[in-house]
Structure formats: structure tokens, C-alpha cells
Amino acid sequence: MGDSKLTHYEVSASRVSPHRTRVTTDDGEFTVGHDVNPVECLLGSVLACLNSTATTVARDMDIDIKSLEATVEGDVNYATYLGKDSEDRPGLQDIDVTLSVEAEGDADLDAWLSAVEARCPVSDNVTHETGVSVTLD
């Protein structure tokens, strides 16, 4: 089986206001609710990870990417969040990503895309159920 070494991440957050949260990571700090809302942060994380994964996969496949643009769309029904009855989940109903890529030569972009989808950690977490445990300290 492959490499089983796990990379551990720990991110902490502090409430700045009812709609702003300061997030601290090993790499820095940002405030959700100031520049982006939490859903936009999640969608941006999907795009950022797809970009990083796309670059790594391109390198592994000897593909020279000249440009890569990405768009992500999703719909949320905030009824449950607001305490109202709804048949919809409280989260994103679907996420649609569109990639526009320009590569050197006659690169096999279909194989590249399949590998990107298979290897992207963040889109994997969104696509497959990942347990979340919330406890009080």
C-alpha cells in the first residue's frame, strides 16, 4: 500500500463578531466574514487545492500548463441555518467546478483531469463524507 504517513493540521479560530471569525494556521491568519463568508471560503479552498493538485499532476505527467482558470458554483438554502423547516440540507446542494486550461503541445488533458480529481485532498473531503466531531472544552 502507498505511503501511510499523515500530515497533521491544526487550525484555531476566535470569534471577532457574530459574523467574523479570525482563523489562525501555521502559515498565517485570516478573517472569515471580512473578505469572504464561510461558504465562499470553502469554495475557494476547493479551487485553491485543485490548482495546487493540477500543478503537481501536470509536473508528474510532464505537461507544461500555460494558464489555468477555475470557476466554482454552488447553491445553499439557508432555511435550516435560520432555524426554519426545509427539505434541503443546510450545506451546499451541489458544487460545480469548471476548469479552463491551456497547455503546451498535445497534452492528454482528459487523463490529467482524471488524475487531478483523484488526487485533490480538499475536493475529496467535499465529495466523500468526512466525519466531523464537535466537542466542548
C-alpha atoms as a PDB file:
ATOM      1  CA  MET A   1       0.000   0.000   0.000  1.00  0.00           C
ATOM      2  CA  GLY A   2       1.165   3.565  -0.500  1.00  0.00           C
ATOM      3  CA  ASP A   3       2.836   5.936   1.897  1.00  0.00           C
ATOM      4  CA  SER A   4       0.819   5.936   5.129  1.00  0.00           C
ATOM      5  CA  LYS A   5       2.490   8.971   6.702  1.00  0.00           C
ATOM      6  CA  LEU A   6      -0.168  11.518   7.661  1.00  0.00           C
ATOM      7  CA  THR A   7       0.372  15.269   7.768  1.00  0.00           C
ATOM      8  CA  HIS A   8      -1.402  16.764  10.774  1.00  0.00           C
ATOM      9  CA  TYR A   9      -3.129  20.138  10.551  1.00  0.00           C
ATOM     10  CA  GLU A  10      -4.410  22.189  13.440  1.00  0.00           C
ATOM     11  CA  VAL A  11      -6.275  25.411  12.790  1.00  0.00           C
ATOM     12  CA  SER A  12      -7.752  27.562  15.534  1.00  0.00           C
ATOM     13  CA  ALA A  13     -10.330  30.319  15.449  1.00  0.00           C
ATOM     14  CA  SER A  14     -11.594  33.158  17.621  1.00  0.00           C
ATOM     15  CA  ARG A  15     -14.908  34.944  17.324  1.00  0.00           C
ATOM     16  CA  VAL A  16     -14.362  38.563  16.337  1.00  0.00           C
ATOM     17  CA  SER A  17     -18.086  39.326  15.981  1.00  0.00           C
ATOM     18  CA  PRO A  18     -21.253  37.367  15.224  1.00  0.00           C
ATOM     19  CA  HIS A  19     -20.270  37.225  11.543  1.00  0.00           C
ATOM     20  CA  ARG A  20     -16.464  37.344  11.660  1.00  0.00           C
ATOM     21  CA  THR A  21     -14.035  34.652  12.737  1.00  0.00           C
ATOM     22  CA  ARG A  22     -10.263  35.079  12.948  1.00  0.00           C
ATOM     23  CA  VAL A  23      -8.623  31.862  11.785  1.00  0.00           C
ATOM     24  CA  THR A  24      -5.028  31.082  12.713  1.00  0.00           C
ATOM     25  CA  THR A  25      -2.933  28.479  10.908  1.00  0.00           C
ATOM     26  CA  ASP A  26       0.739  27.566  10.857  1.00  0.00           C
ATOM     27  CA  ASP A  27       1.023  29.714   7.720  1.00  0.00           C
ATOM     28  CA  GLY A  28      -0.759  32.833   8.930  1.00  0.00           C
ATOM     29  CA  GLU A  29      -4.041  34.372   9.893  1.00  0.00           C
ATOM     30  CA  PHE A  30      -7.186  35.486   8.072  1.00  0.00           C
ATOM     31  CA  THR A  31     -10.691  36.624   8.966  1.00  0.00           C
ATOM     32  CA  VAL A  32     -13.682  34.813   7.528  1.00  0.00           C
ATOM     33  CA  GLY A  33     -16.613  37.195   7.276  1.00  0.00           C
ATOM     34  CA  HIS A  34     -14.418  40.144   6.368  1.00  0.00           C
ATOM     35  CA  ASP A  35     -13.239  39.315   2.847  1.00  0.00           C
ATOM     36  CA  VAL A  36     -15.316  36.169   2.262  1.00  0.00           C
ATOM     37  CA  ASN A  37     -18.121  34.329   4.012  1.00  0.00           C
ATOM     38  CA  PRO A  38     -17.633  30.736   5.245  1.00  0.00           C
ATOM     39  CA  VAL A  39     -19.217  29.184   2.124  1.00  0.00           C
ATOM     40  CA  GLU A  40     -17.008  31.282  -0.172  1.00  0.00           C
ATOM     41  CA  CYS A  41     -14.009  30.248   1.947  1.00  0.00           C
ATOM     42  CA  LEU A  42     -14.883  26.570   1.425  1.00  0.00           C
ATOM     43  CA  LEU A  43     -15.421  27.035  -2.313  1.00  0.00           C
ATOM     44  CA  GLY A  44     -12.167  28.996  -2.559  1.00  0.00           C
ATOM     45  CA  SER A  45     -10.387  26.172  -0.746  1.00  0.00           C
ATOM     46  CA  VAL A  46     -11.695  23.709  -3.327  1.00  0.00           C
ATOM     47  CA  LEU A  47     -10.351  25.890  -6.157  1.00  0.00           C
ATOM     48  CA  ALA A  48      -7.016  26.524  -4.449  1.00  0.00           C
ATOM     49  CA  CYS A  49      -6.460  22.814  -3.834  1.00  0.00           C
ATOM     50  CA  LEU A  50      -7.499  21.911  -7.385  1.00  0.00           C
ATOM     51  CA  ASN A  51      -4.975  24.466  -8.674  1.00  0.00           C
ATOM     52  CA  SER A  52      -2.196  23.078  -6.498  1.00  0.00           C
ATOM     53  CA  THR A  53      -3.078  19.488  -7.371  1.00  0.00           C
ATOM     54  CA  ALA A  54      -3.368  20.350 -11.071  1.00  0.00           C
ATOM     55  CA  THR A  55       0.132  21.810 -10.992  1.00  0.00           C
ATOM     56  CA  THR A  56       1.578  18.762  -9.230  1.00  0.00           C
ATOM     57  CA  VAL A  57      -0.177  16.335 -11.576  1.00  0.00           C
ATOM     58  CA  ALA A  58       0.963  18.325 -14.625  1.00  0.00           C
ATOM     59  CA  ARG A  59       4.547  18.129 -13.394  1.00  0.00           C
ATOM     60  CA  ASP A  60       4.230  14.382 -12.811  1.00  0.00           C
ATOM     61  CA  MET A  61       2.760  13.890 -16.302  1.00  0.00           C
ATOM     62  CA  ASP A  62       5.302  16.218 -17.938  1.00  0.00           C
ATOM     63  CA  ILE A  63       2.575  18.658 -19.022  1.00  0.00           C
ATOM     64  CA  ASP A  64       3.516  22.328 -19.335  1.00  0.00           C
ATOM     65  CA  ILE A  65       0.498  24.344 -18.154  1.00  0.00           C
ATOM     66  CA  LYS A  66       0.483  27.831 -19.654  1.00  0.00           C
ATOM     67  CA  SER A  67      -2.690  29.051 -17.921  1.00  0.00           C
ATOM     68  CA  LEU A  68      -5.359  27.676 -15.626  1.00  0.00           C
ATOM     69  CA  GLU A  69      -8.607  29.442 -14.755  1.00  0.00           C
ATOM     70  CA  ALA A  70     -11.251  27.944 -12.493  1.00  0.00           C
ATOM     71  CA  THR A  71     -14.818  28.762 -11.522  1.00  0.00           C
ATOM     72  CA  VAL A  72     -16.868  27.101  -8.814  1.00  0.00           C
ATOM     73  CA  GLU A  73     -20.606  27.405  -8.255  1.00  0.00           C
ATOM     74  CA  GLY A  74     -22.950  26.044  -5.632  1.00  0.00           C
ATOM     75  CA  ASP A  75     -26.333  26.722  -4.079  1.00  0.00           C
ATOM     76  CA  VAL A  76     -27.225  26.913  -0.383  1.00  0.00           C
ATOM     77  CA  ASN A  77     -30.712  27.112   1.084  1.00  0.00           C
ATOM     78  CA  TYR A  78     -30.196  28.980   4.367  1.00  0.00           C
ATOM     79  CA  ALA A  79     -33.602  27.966   5.801  1.00  0.00           C
ATOM     80  CA  THR A  80     -32.188  25.284   8.142  1.00  0.00           C
ATOM     81  CA  TYR A  81     -29.342  27.615   9.208  1.00  0.00           C
ATOM     82  CA  LEU A  82     -32.007  30.180  10.119  1.00  0.00           C
ATOM     83  CA  GLY A  83     -33.991  27.596  12.139  1.00  0.00           C
ATOM     84  CA  LYS A  84     -36.765  27.130   9.575  1.00  0.00           C
ATOM     85  CA  ASP A  85     -38.118  23.864   8.208  1.00  0.00           C
ATOM     86  CA  SER A  86     -36.599  22.756   4.927  1.00  0.00           C
ATOM     87  CA  GLU A  87     -36.223  19.585   2.929  1.00  0.00           C
ATOM     88  CA  ASP A  88     -32.786  20.799   1.794  1.00  0.00           C
ATOM     89  CA  ARG A  89     -29.554  20.066   3.617  1.00  0.00           C
ATOM     90  CA  PRO A  90     -28.128  23.140   5.352  1.00  0.00           C
ATOM     91  CA  GLY A  91     -24.987  22.954   3.227  1.00  0.00           C
ATOM     92  CA  LEU A  92     -24.183  23.278  -0.432  1.00  0.00           C
ATOM     93  CA  GLN A  93     -26.556  21.169  -2.523  1.00  0.00           C
ATOM     94  CA  ASP A  94     -24.017  20.624  -5.312  1.00  0.00           C
ATOM     95  CA  ILE A  95     -20.655  22.053  -6.293  1.00  0.00           C
ATOM     96  CA  ASP A  96     -19.827  22.557  -9.960  1.00  0.00           C
ATOM     97  CA  VAL A  97     -16.246  23.361 -10.966  1.00  0.00           C
ATOM     98  CA  THR A  98     -15.201  24.460 -14.436  1.00  0.00           C
ATOM     99  CA  LEU A  99     -11.520  24.454 -15.366  1.00  0.00           C
ATOM    100  CA  SER A 100     -10.110  26.223 -18.417  1.00  0.00           C
ATOM    101  CA  VAL A 101      -6.576  25.115 -19.114  1.00  0.00           C
ATOM    102  CA  GLU A 102      -4.047  25.962 -21.761  1.00  0.00           C
ATOM    103  CA  ALA A 103      -1.177  23.510 -22.072  1.00  0.00           C
ATOM    104  CA  GLU A 104       1.854  23.216 -24.308  1.00  0.00           C
ATOM    105  CA  GLY A 105       1.605  20.730 -27.170  1.00  0.00           C
ATOM    106  CA  ASP A 106      -0.834  17.851 -27.383  1.00  0.00           C
ATOM    107  CA  ALA A 107      -1.110  17.029 -23.696  1.00  0.00           C
ATOM    108  CA  ASP A 108      -3.679  14.399 -22.669  1.00  0.00           C
ATOM    109  CA  LEU A 109      -5.840  16.759 -20.618  1.00  0.00           C
ATOM    110  CA  ASP A 110      -8.542  14.132 -20.042  1.00  0.00           C
ATOM    111  CA  ALA A 111      -6.032  11.880 -18.260  1.00  0.00           C
ATOM    112  CA  TRP A 112      -4.651  14.922 -16.445  1.00  0.00           C
ATOM    113  CA  LEU A 113      -8.139  15.928 -15.229  1.00  0.00           C
ATOM    114  CA  SER A 114      -8.906  12.385 -14.053  1.00  0.00           C
ATOM    115  CA  ALA A 115      -5.685  12.362 -12.028  1.00  0.00           C
ATOM    116  CA  VAL A 116      -6.403  15.826 -10.594  1.00  0.00           C
ATOM    117  CA  GLU A 117      -9.869  14.699  -9.457  1.00  0.00           C
ATOM    118  CA  ALA A 118      -8.449  11.507  -7.941  1.00  0.00           C
ATOM    119  CA  ARG A 119      -5.618  13.248  -6.067  1.00  0.00           C
ATOM    120  CA  CYS A 120      -7.098  16.544  -4.748  1.00  0.00           C
ATOM    121  CA  PRO A 121      -7.387  16.352  -0.926  1.00  0.00           C
ATOM    122  CA  VAL A 122      -9.956  19.138  -0.466  1.00  0.00           C
ATOM    123  CA  SER A 123     -12.322  18.055  -3.231  1.00  0.00           C
ATOM    124  CA  ASP A 124     -12.009  14.513  -1.837  1.00  0.00           C
ATOM    125  CA  ASN A 125     -13.224  15.780   1.547  1.00  0.00           C
ATOM    126  CA  VAL A 126     -16.145  17.557  -0.079  1.00  0.00           C
ATOM    127  CA  THR A 127     -17.016  14.615  -2.348  1.00  0.00           C
ATOM    128  CA  HIS A 128     -16.788  11.913   0.325  1.00  0.00           C
ATOM    129  CA  GLU A 129     -18.196  12.031   3.788  1.00  0.00           C
ATOM    130  CA  THR A 130     -15.547  13.001   6.320  1.00  0.00           C
ATOM    131  CA  GLY A 131     -16.523  12.696   9.943  1.00  0.00           C
ATOM    132  CA  VAL A 132     -16.614  15.892  11.962  1.00  0.00           C
ATOM    133  CA  SER A 133     -16.632  15.658  15.740  1.00  0.00           C
ATOM    134  CA  VAL A 134     -17.575  18.803  17.676  1.00  0.00           C
ATOM    135  CA  THR A 135     -16.960  18.780  21.445  1.00  0.00           C
ATOM    136  CA  LEU A 136     -16.974  21.307  24.272  1.00  0.00           C
ATOM    137  CA  ASP A 137     -13.740  22.002  26.096  1.00  0.00           C
END
